[in-house]
Amino acid sequence: MSQAAETTNFHVSARILGIIGLVAGALLLFMGGVFNEPEDLWRAVHFGWLTWSGISLGMLGLMLLHHTVRGKWGAPLVRIWEAGGGTGMIVVSLILWAVLTFGPGAEIVFHHWWTPEARAGDAVLEAKSKYLSSEGFIQWSLVYYAIFLILSHLMTTWLKKEEATGDKKWSDKRNNLAGPALLLFVLAVNFAYTHWAMSLDAHWYSTIYGVWLLMGGAISAMGVGLWIVGSQAKKKPYAAIMNTDFTRDIGNMTLVFTLFWTYFTLSQYLIIWSGNMPEFTSYYVNRGTEDWFMIASSRVGLQFFFPFIALLFPGLKRSPKGLARIGILVLVMQLVNWFYVLGPSLYPGSAPGDIAMKLGGAMLFFGGIWAVIFSVRITQAPLMTESHPYLVSDDNRMPNEEASSHA
């Protein structure tokens, strides 16, 4: 297979998709009457902020994992993760958090516990008041964001210095910090999701919840990476690294994250089911209607079984186009998962169809913002550099799609 002459410009497609998402999302929000009801507006802001911040945090986590294990499979993807989970995107998430928190939004969304008056007479919320209060929410959230910003800044800055100077000391500094940083990151994300998402059901809690959502973010990040690299496989600079070793590795990593997500999902359900205590079962009772069950079933089929079975086939993992399709599927299903996780908490007792336009519009609108910013950030550094010369000789390049289909 000859060297591809064309250079990738997927950032243009990302920008176009972002603009389409903005327009379509705004239209759905308008049709859903979100702009007429302050409660609906702020619920939409919370949903959009948390959904796309979750994908950015997943990318930051994979960035730290890549620098920890020093795997070659991550080098072509790390620029994608930097664009989606670097300091720029974390700052955007912080701005949206500030708009929600210092406007009337947080008190509307977290009305159960935001003020002392809301907690009065509730023994459970009073016991959690140091954590579930407006003061605790603001103080702890600033700590979370400080950790995310510092870690993303150090990882991206040191990588750029290594690329600029070729000095191995920057690689050593990055790799030595990445392991402890990954542990700190997981703890921070776990508490952040407890504050930002699980507190919507203030009387319910799960010890798996934060890590479960973090694993979903990691799958989303892998989905974006598979989509981009797989669809751009014949274009520079990705054409130079498209061999069977690389595609097998990223396919296997997606399979691993899918299994982890499924493990945490099933574990949370089994623990709550076996305990059968009202304070724990409320989460699934609120999602126990026929409509919500259909969404849960789609997650089992399309978020676990289909990717799991597909990624067991070596032929698929030799096909960049096949991996791109899997990437789109796991990304879309993680967005469905966010709808399933947050929808009944933001709108207790509502059917999926009643809130689909409101939250679907928020997902598209804020996803459009995310995609436009991503399209700008991805152009600010080379996708592949001389510091990561993971190029292959002609005899080890990817076979063409026809050959892959017969493998």
Protein backbone atom coordinates (compact mmCIF):
# COMPACT_ATOMS: atom_id res chain seq x y z
CA MET A 1 0.00 0.00 0.00
CA SER A 2 1.50 3.29 -1.06
CA GLN A 3 1.94 6.25 1.23
CA ALA A 4 -1.19 8.39 1.35
CA ALA A 5 -0.57 11.80 -0.16
CA GLU A 6 -3.56 13.56 1.34
CA THR A 7 -3.29 15.17 4.80
CA THR A 8 -6.14 14.78 7.23
CA ASN A 9 -8.37 17.75 7.93
CA PHE A 10 -10.92 16.15 10.22
CA HIS A 11 -10.98 19.32 12.31
CA VAL A 12 -13.07 20.89 9.55
CA SER A 13 -15.61 18.07 9.80
CA ALA A 14 -15.61 18.41 13.59
CA ARG A 15 -16.37 22.12 13.26
CA ILE A 16 -19.20 21.49 10.82
CA LEU A 17 -20.68 18.83 13.10
CA GLY A 18 -20.36 21.25 16.00
CA ILE A 19 -22.25 24.00 14.19
CA ILE A 20 -24.96 21.53 13.17
CA GLY A 21 -25.20 20.37 16.79
CA LEU A 22 -25.52 23.94 18.02
CA VAL A 23 -28.32 24.76 15.61
CA ALA A 24 -30.18 21.46 16.05
CA GLY A 25 -29.77 21.60 19.83
CA ALA A 26 -31.06 25.16 20.07
CA LEU A 27 -34.05 24.21 17.90
CA LEU A 28 -34.89 21.21 20.11
CA LEU A 29 -34.53 23.29 23.26
CA PHE A 30 -36.88 25.89 21.81
CA MET A 31 -39.40 23.26 20.69
CA GLY A 32 -39.23 21.67 24.14
CA GLY A 33 -40.10 24.97 25.80
CA VAL A 34 -36.86 25.03 27.78
CA PHE A 35 -36.38 28.77 27.37
CA ASN A 36 -39.81 29.47 28.87
CA GLU A 37 -39.16 27.65 32.16
CA PRO A 38 -36.12 28.58 34.33
CA GLU A 39 -36.19 25.15 35.97
CA ASP A 40 -35.96 23.39 32.61
CA LEU A 41 -33.26 25.76 31.39
CA TRP A 42 -30.96 25.11 34.33
CA ARG A 43 -31.59 21.39 34.26
CA ALA A 44 -30.53 21.46 30.61
CA VAL A 45 -27.39 23.43 31.49
CA HIS A 46 -26.51 20.92 34.20
CA PHE A 47 -27.12 17.97 31.89
CA GLY A 48 -25.10 19.40 28.99
CA TRP A 49 -22.24 20.53 31.23
CA LEU A 50 -21.90 17.23 33.03
CA THR A 51 -22.30 15.01 29.96
CA TRP A 52 -19.57 16.65 27.90
CA SER A 53 -17.35 17.36 30.89
CA GLY A 54 -17.51 13.61 31.49
CA ILE A 55 -16.06 12.95 28.03
CA SER A 56 -13.30 15.53 28.64
CA LEU A 57 -12.44 13.93 31.97
CA GLY A 58 -12.32 10.54 30.26
CA MET A 59 -9.79 11.95 27.78
CA LEU A 60 -7.70 13.41 30.59
CA GLY A 61 -7.73 10.04 32.31
CA LEU A 62 -6.55 8.25 29.16
CA MET A 63 -3.85 10.87 28.72
CA LEU A 64 -2.55 10.05 32.21
CA LEU A 65 -2.85 6.31 31.53
CA HIS A 66 -0.86 6.67 28.32
CA HIS A 67 1.97 8.48 30.10
CA THR A 68 1.89 5.93 32.93
CA VAL A 69 2.21 2.78 30.81
CA ARG A 70 4.18 4.48 27.99
CA GLY A 71 2.33 2.43 25.42
CA LYS A 72 2.98 3.06 21.74
CA TRP A 73 -0.74 2.54 21.06
CA GLY A 74 -1.52 5.84 22.78
CA ALA A 75 0.95 8.07 20.94
CA PRO A 76 -1.24 8.68 17.85
CA LEU A 77 -4.24 9.31 20.13
CA VAL A 78 -2.70 11.54 22.79
CA ARG A 79 -3.16 14.75 20.73
CA ILE A 80 -6.86 13.94 20.38
CA TRP A 81 -7.12 13.49 24.14
CA GLU A 82 -5.17 16.69 24.78
CA ALA A 83 -7.59 18.63 22.55
CA GLY A 84 -10.63 17.17 24.28
CA GLY A 85 -9.31 16.84 27.82
CA GLY A 86 -6.54 19.41 28.10
CA THR A 87 -6.50 22.68 29.99
CA GLY A 88 -8.58 24.55 27.40
CA MET A 89 -11.51 22.17 27.62
CA ILE A 90 -11.26 21.92 31.41
CA VAL A 91 -11.42 25.72 31.60
CA VAL A 92 -14.59 25.69 29.47
CA SER A 93 -16.07 23.11 31.85
CA LEU A 94 -15.10 25.31 34.79
CA ILE A 95 -16.82 28.32 33.21
CA LEU A 96 -20.03 26.35 32.71
CA TRP A 97 -19.81 25.13 36.30
CA ALA A 98 -19.44 28.73 37.49
CA VAL A 99 -22.45 29.86 35.44
CA LEU A 100 -24.54 27.09 36.97
CA THR A 101 -23.23 27.55 40.51
CA PHE A 102 -23.21 31.33 40.88
CA GLY A 103 -26.42 31.82 38.94
CA PRO A 104 -29.74 30.44 40.16
CA GLY A 105 -29.10 27.08 38.50
CA ALA A 106 -27.46 25.15 41.33
CA GLU A 107 -30.19 26.00 43.82
CA ILE A 108 -32.80 24.83 41.31
CA VAL A 109 -31.03 21.59 40.39
CA PHE A 110 -29.86 20.72 43.91
CA HIS A 111 -32.90 22.15 45.66
CA HIS A 112 -33.06 19.25 48.14
CA TRP A 113 -29.93 20.32 50.01
CA TRP A 114 -28.54 23.59 48.65
CA THR A 115 -29.71 25.81 51.55
CA PRO A 116 -30.05 25.21 55.32
CA GLU A 117 -33.81 25.70 54.94
CA ALA A 118 -33.99 22.86 52.38
CA ARG A 119 -32.12 20.51 54.73
CA ALA A 120 -34.06 21.46 57.84
CA GLY A 121 -35.85 18.55 59.44
CA ASP A 122 -34.13 15.95 57.25
CA ALA A 123 -31.76 13.94 59.46
CA VAL A 124 -29.93 12.38 56.49
CA LEU A 125 -29.22 15.69 54.78
CA GLU A 126 -28.29 17.38 58.04
CA ALA A 127 -25.72 14.65 58.64
CA LYS A 128 -24.25 15.30 55.18
CA SER A 129 -24.40 19.09 55.44
CA LYS A 130 -20.62 19.62 55.45
CA TYR A 131 -20.53 17.98 52.04
CA LEU A 132 -24.01 18.56 50.64
CA SER A 133 -24.28 22.30 51.05
CA SER A 134 -23.65 25.27 48.80
CA GLU A 135 -20.41 26.03 50.63
CA GLY A 136 -19.17 22.45 50.43
CA PHE A 137 -20.16 22.18 46.78
CA ILE A 138 -18.23 25.30 45.81
CA GLN A 139 -15.14 24.59 47.89
CA TRP A 140 -14.77 20.96 46.87
CA SER A 141 -15.53 21.64 43.21
CA LEU A 142 -12.75 24.22 43.10
CA VAL A 143 -10.40 21.58 44.52
CA TYR A 144 -11.46 19.11 41.82
CA TYR A 145 -10.94 21.62 39.05
CA ALA A 146 -7.57 22.67 40.46
CA ILE A 147 -6.41 19.04 40.32
CA PHE A 148 -7.69 18.57 36.77
CA LEU A 149 -6.11 21.80 35.52
CA ILE A 150 -2.74 21.20 37.14
CA LEU A 151 -2.48 17.63 35.87
CA SER A 152 -3.58 18.46 32.33
CA HIS A 153 -1.24 21.47 32.21
CA LEU A 154 1.80 19.51 33.35
CA MET A 155 1.18 16.57 31.00
CA THR A 156 0.64 18.70 27.90
CA THR A 157 3.41 21.20 28.69
CA TRP A 158 6.06 18.58 29.38
CA LEU A 159 5.15 16.65 26.23
CA LYS A 160 5.50 19.79 24.12
CA LYS A 161 8.87 20.57 25.74
CA GLU A 162 10.09 17.06 24.97
CA GLU A 163 9.01 17.47 21.36
CA ALA A 164 10.66 20.88 21.10
CA THR A 165 13.97 19.95 22.71
CA GLY A 166 14.24 16.19 22.36
CA ASP A 167 15.42 16.10 25.98
CA LYS A 168 14.50 12.84 27.68
CA LYS A 169 14.23 14.51 31.07
CA TRP A 170 10.78 15.82 30.15
CA SER A 171 9.66 12.30 29.31
CA ASP A 172 11.01 11.06 32.64
CA LYS A 173 9.28 13.85 34.58
CA ARG A 174 6.00 13.14 32.82
CA ASN A 175 6.15 9.38 33.24
CA ASN A 176 7.26 9.55 36.89
CA LEU A 177 4.37 11.87 37.79
CA ALA A 178 1.72 10.13 35.70
CA GLY A 179 1.27 7.08 37.97
CA PRO A 180 0.57 8.96 41.23
CA ALA A 181 -1.33 11.58 39.23
CA LEU A 182 -3.61 8.90 37.81
CA LEU A 183 -4.47 7.72 41.32
CA LEU A 184 -5.18 11.29 42.45
CA PHE A 185 -7.26 11.87 39.32
CA VAL A 186 -9.45 8.79 39.92
CA LEU A 187 -10.10 9.87 43.52
CA ALA A 188 -10.94 13.43 42.45
CA VAL A 189 -13.31 12.27 39.71
CA ASN A 190 -15.01 9.84 42.08
CA PHE A 191 -15.79 12.62 44.57
CA ALA A 192 -16.66 15.06 41.79
CA TYR A 193 -19.32 12.77 40.36
CA THR A 194 -20.62 12.18 43.86
CA HIS A 195 -21.07 15.93 44.25
CA TRP A 196 -22.20 16.80 40.73
CA ALA A 197 -24.39 13.84 39.81
CA MET A 198 -25.16 11.41 42.65
CA SER A 199 -26.30 14.28 44.89
CA LEU A 200 -29.28 14.75 42.57
CA ASP A 201 -30.67 11.76 44.50
CA ALA A 202 -29.61 13.10 47.86
CA HIS A 203 -30.80 10.17 49.95
CA TRP A 204 -29.28 7.51 47.71
CA TYR A 205 -25.65 6.54 47.33
CA SER A 206 -23.45 3.96 45.68
CA THR A 207 -19.77 3.34 46.31
CA ILE A 208 -19.29 2.33 42.65
CA TYR A 209 -21.06 5.31 41.09
CA GLY A 210 -18.09 7.63 40.51
CA VAL A 211 -15.76 4.99 39.06
CA TRP A 212 -18.62 3.67 36.93
CA LEU A 213 -19.13 7.07 35.30
CA LEU A 214 -15.38 7.54 34.96
CA MET A 215 -15.15 4.27 33.04
CA GLY A 216 -17.93 5.50 30.79
CA GLY A 217 -15.90 8.63 30.11
CA ALA A 218 -12.89 6.49 29.19
CA ILE A 219 -15.00 4.51 26.71
CA SER A 220 -16.25 7.79 25.21
CA ALA A 221 -12.67 9.01 24.83
CA MET A 222 -11.67 5.77 23.12
CA GLY A 223 -14.73 6.08 20.91
CA VAL A 224 -13.69 9.53 19.70
CA GLY A 225 -10.14 8.28 19.11
CA LEU A 226 -11.31 5.22 17.15
CA TRP A 227 -13.68 7.33 15.08
CA ILE A 228 -11.01 9.85 14.11
CA VAL A 229 -8.03 7.55 13.58
CA GLY A 230 -10.09 4.84 11.88
CA SER A 231 -11.84 7.20 9.47
CA GLN A 232 -8.58 9.01 8.65
CA ALA A 233 -6.47 5.86 8.28
CA LYS A 234 -5.41 6.56 4.69
CA LYS A 235 -4.41 10.16 5.34
CA LYS A 236 -1.29 11.71 6.83
CA PRO A 237 -0.10 11.43 9.53
CA TYR A 238 -2.16 8.38 10.54
CA ALA A 239 -1.39 6.42 7.38
CA ALA A 240 2.19 6.05 8.63
CA ILE A 241 1.20 4.19 11.80
CA MET A 242 -1.71 2.12 10.52
CA ASN A 243 -0.45 -1.41 10.99
CA THR A 244 -2.14 -4.45 12.48
CA ASP A 245 -0.30 -4.09 15.78
CA PHE A 246 -1.69 -0.60 16.34
CA THR A 247 -5.28 -1.36 15.34
CA ARG A 248 -5.26 -4.55 17.43
CA ASP A 249 -4.01 -2.65 20.47
CA ILE A 250 -6.60 0.12 20.33
CA GLY A 251 -9.33 -2.43 19.63
CA ASN A 252 -8.26 -4.46 22.66
CA MET A 253 -8.15 -1.35 24.86
CA THR A 254 -11.72 -0.51 23.85
CA LEU A 255 -12.72 -4.09 24.66
CA VAL A 256 -11.08 -3.82 28.10
CA PHE A 257 -12.87 -0.57 28.96
CA THR A 258 -16.17 -2.06 27.75
CA LEU A 259 -15.68 -5.01 30.11
CA PHE A 260 -14.79 -2.73 33.02
CA TRP A 261 -17.85 -0.56 32.42
CA THR A 262 -20.05 -3.66 32.30
CA TYR A 263 -18.46 -5.03 35.47
CA PHE A 264 -19.19 -1.85 37.42
CA THR A 265 -22.71 -1.60 35.97
CA LEU A 266 -23.56 -5.18 36.90
CA SER A 267 -21.85 -4.95 40.29
CA GLN A 268 -23.86 -1.89 41.29
CA TYR A 269 -27.11 -3.57 40.27
CA LEU A 270 -26.35 -6.88 41.97
CA ILE A 271 -25.25 -5.27 45.23
CA ILE A 272 -28.41 -3.15 45.40
CA TRP A 273 -30.64 -6.05 44.32
CA SER A 274 -29.19 -8.44 46.89
CA GLY A 275 -29.43 -5.85 49.70
CA ASN A 276 -33.03 -4.96 48.75
CA MET A 277 -33.12 -1.93 51.05
CA PRO A 278 -35.42 1.02 50.20
CA GLU A 279 -32.70 3.65 50.53
CA PHE A 280 -30.67 1.86 47.84
CA THR A 281 -33.32 0.42 45.51
CA SER A 282 -34.86 3.84 44.82
CA TYR A 283 -32.37 4.39 41.96
CA TYR A 284 -33.70 1.43 39.99
CA VAL A 285 -37.30 1.89 41.10
CA ASN A 286 -37.21 5.35 39.50
CA ARG A 287 -35.96 3.71 36.29
CA GLY A 288 -38.30 0.73 36.47
CA THR A 289 -41.01 1.81 34.04
CA GLU A 290 -41.35 0.07 30.69
CA ASP A 291 -39.91 3.00 28.74
CA TRP A 292 -36.82 3.30 30.92
CA PHE A 293 -36.43 -0.48 30.82
CA MET A 294 -36.24 -0.31 27.02
CA ILE A 295 -33.38 2.16 27.27
CA ALA A 296 -31.65 -0.04 29.85
CA SER A 297 -32.05 -3.02 27.50
CA SER A 298 -30.51 -1.07 24.62
CA ARG A 299 -27.52 -0.35 26.81
CA VAL A 300 -27.09 -4.06 27.50
CA GLY A 301 -27.29 -4.95 23.82
CA LEU A 302 -25.52 -2.06 22.10
CA GLN A 303 -23.19 -0.87 24.84
CA PHE A 304 -21.95 -4.29 25.93
CA PHE A 305 -22.89 -7.34 23.86
CA PHE A 306 -22.42 -5.93 20.36
CA PRO A 307 -19.04 -4.19 20.96
CA PHE A 308 -17.87 -7.13 23.09
CA ILE A 309 -18.63 -9.74 20.44
CA ALA A 310 -17.44 -7.56 17.55
CA LEU A 311 -14.10 -6.78 19.20
CA LEU A 312 -13.41 -10.48 19.74
CA PHE A 313 -12.98 -10.91 15.97
CA PRO A 314 -9.39 -10.31 14.78
CA GLY A 315 -10.65 -9.28 11.35
CA LEU A 316 -12.51 -6.29 12.76
CA LYS A 317 -9.45 -5.16 14.68
CA ARG A 318 -7.49 -5.19 11.41
CA SER A 319 -10.02 -2.87 9.78
CA PRO A 320 -9.72 0.88 10.52
CA LYS A 321 -13.18 1.48 9.09
CA GLY A 322 -14.63 -1.22 11.33
CA LEU A 323 -12.98 0.34 14.39
CA ALA A 324 -14.31 3.76 13.39
CA ARG A 325 -17.84 2.36 13.35
CA ILE A 326 -17.33 0.75 16.75
CA GLY A 327 -16.02 4.11 18.00
CA ILE A 328 -19.17 5.89 16.86
CA LEU A 329 -21.35 3.23 18.47
CA VAL A 330 -19.69 3.31 21.89
CA LEU A 331 -19.68 7.13 21.90
CA VAL A 332 -23.39 7.35 21.04
CA MET A 333 -24.30 4.70 23.60
CA GLN A 334 -22.39 6.53 26.32
CA LEU A 335 -24.48 9.61 25.55
CA VAL A 336 -27.56 7.41 25.91
CA ASN A 337 -26.12 6.19 29.21
CA TRP A 338 -25.87 9.78 30.49
CA PHE A 339 -29.52 10.27 29.56
CA TYR A 340 -30.42 7.12 31.51
CA VAL A 341 -28.30 8.12 34.53
CA LEU A 342 -29.28 11.79 34.83
CA GLY A 343 -32.74 11.99 33.25
CA PRO A 344 -34.80 10.38 36.06
CA SER A 345 -32.78 12.29 38.66
CA LEU A 346 -33.37 15.67 37.02
CA TYR A 347 -37.03 14.88 36.21
CA PRO A 348 -38.32 12.38 38.82
CA GLY A 349 -41.30 10.39 37.62
CA SER A 350 -41.00 11.51 33.99
CA ALA A 351 -41.07 9.14 31.04
CA PRO A 352 -38.14 9.27 28.59
CA GLY A 353 -40.34 10.70 25.85
CA ASP A 354 -41.38 13.60 28.08
CA ILE A 355 -37.83 14.84 28.54
CA ALA A 356 -36.10 13.57 25.39
CA MET A 357 -36.46 16.85 23.53
CA LYS A 358 -35.23 18.92 26.47
CA LEU A 359 -32.23 16.83 27.40
CA GLY A 360 -31.56 15.73 23.81
CA GLY A 361 -31.43 19.38 22.81
CA ALA A 362 -29.03 20.13 25.65
CA MET A 363 -26.85 17.19 24.61
CA LEU A 364 -26.65 18.43 21.02
CA PHE A 365 -26.20 22.10 21.93
CA PHE A 366 -23.40 21.60 24.44
CA GLY A 367 -21.93 18.87 22.25
CA GLY A 368 -21.79 21.43 19.46
CA ILE A 369 -19.86 23.80 21.72
CA TRP A 370 -17.50 20.96 22.64
CA ALA A 371 -16.93 19.97 18.99
CA VAL A 372 -16.21 23.53 17.85
CA ILE A 373 -13.69 24.08 20.63
CA PHE A 374 -12.17 20.67 19.93
CA SER A 375 -11.79 21.56 16.24
CA VAL A 376 -9.74 24.61 17.23
CA ARG A 377 -7.66 22.90 19.92
CA ILE A 378 -6.70 19.95 17.71
CA THR A 379 -4.95 22.25 15.23
CA GLN A 380 -2.65 23.83 17.84
CA ALA A 381 -0.06 21.03 17.88
CA PRO A 382 1.14 18.43 15.34
CA LEU A 383 -0.86 15.22 15.41
CA MET A 384 2.36 13.21 15.13
CA THR A 385 5.88 14.49 15.78
CA GLU A 386 9.48 13.33 15.45
CA SER A 387 9.55 12.67 19.19
CA HIS A 388 7.14 9.79 18.60
CA PRO A 389 8.49 8.12 15.44
CA TYR A 390 6.10 5.17 15.47
CA LEU A 391 6.29 4.78 11.73
CA VAL A 392 6.32 1.44 10.00
CA SER A 393 7.99 0.05 6.94
CA ASP A 394 5.99 -0.73 3.82
CA ASP A 395 6.00 -4.47 4.54
CA ASN A 396 4.25 -3.90 7.90
CA ARG A 397 1.59 -1.42 6.83
CA MET A 398 -2.12 -2.02 7.06
CA PRO A 399 -3.49 -4.31 4.35
CA ASN A 400 -6.09 -2.65 2.16
CA GLU A 401 -9.74 -2.90 3.08
CA GLU A 402 -10.37 -5.68 0.57
CA ALA A 403 -7.67 -7.82 2.13
CA SER A 404 -8.94 -7.03 5.61
CA SER A 405 -12.46 -8.08 4.71
CA HIS A 406 -11.22 -11.53 3.66
CA ALA A 407 -8.96 -12.02 6.71
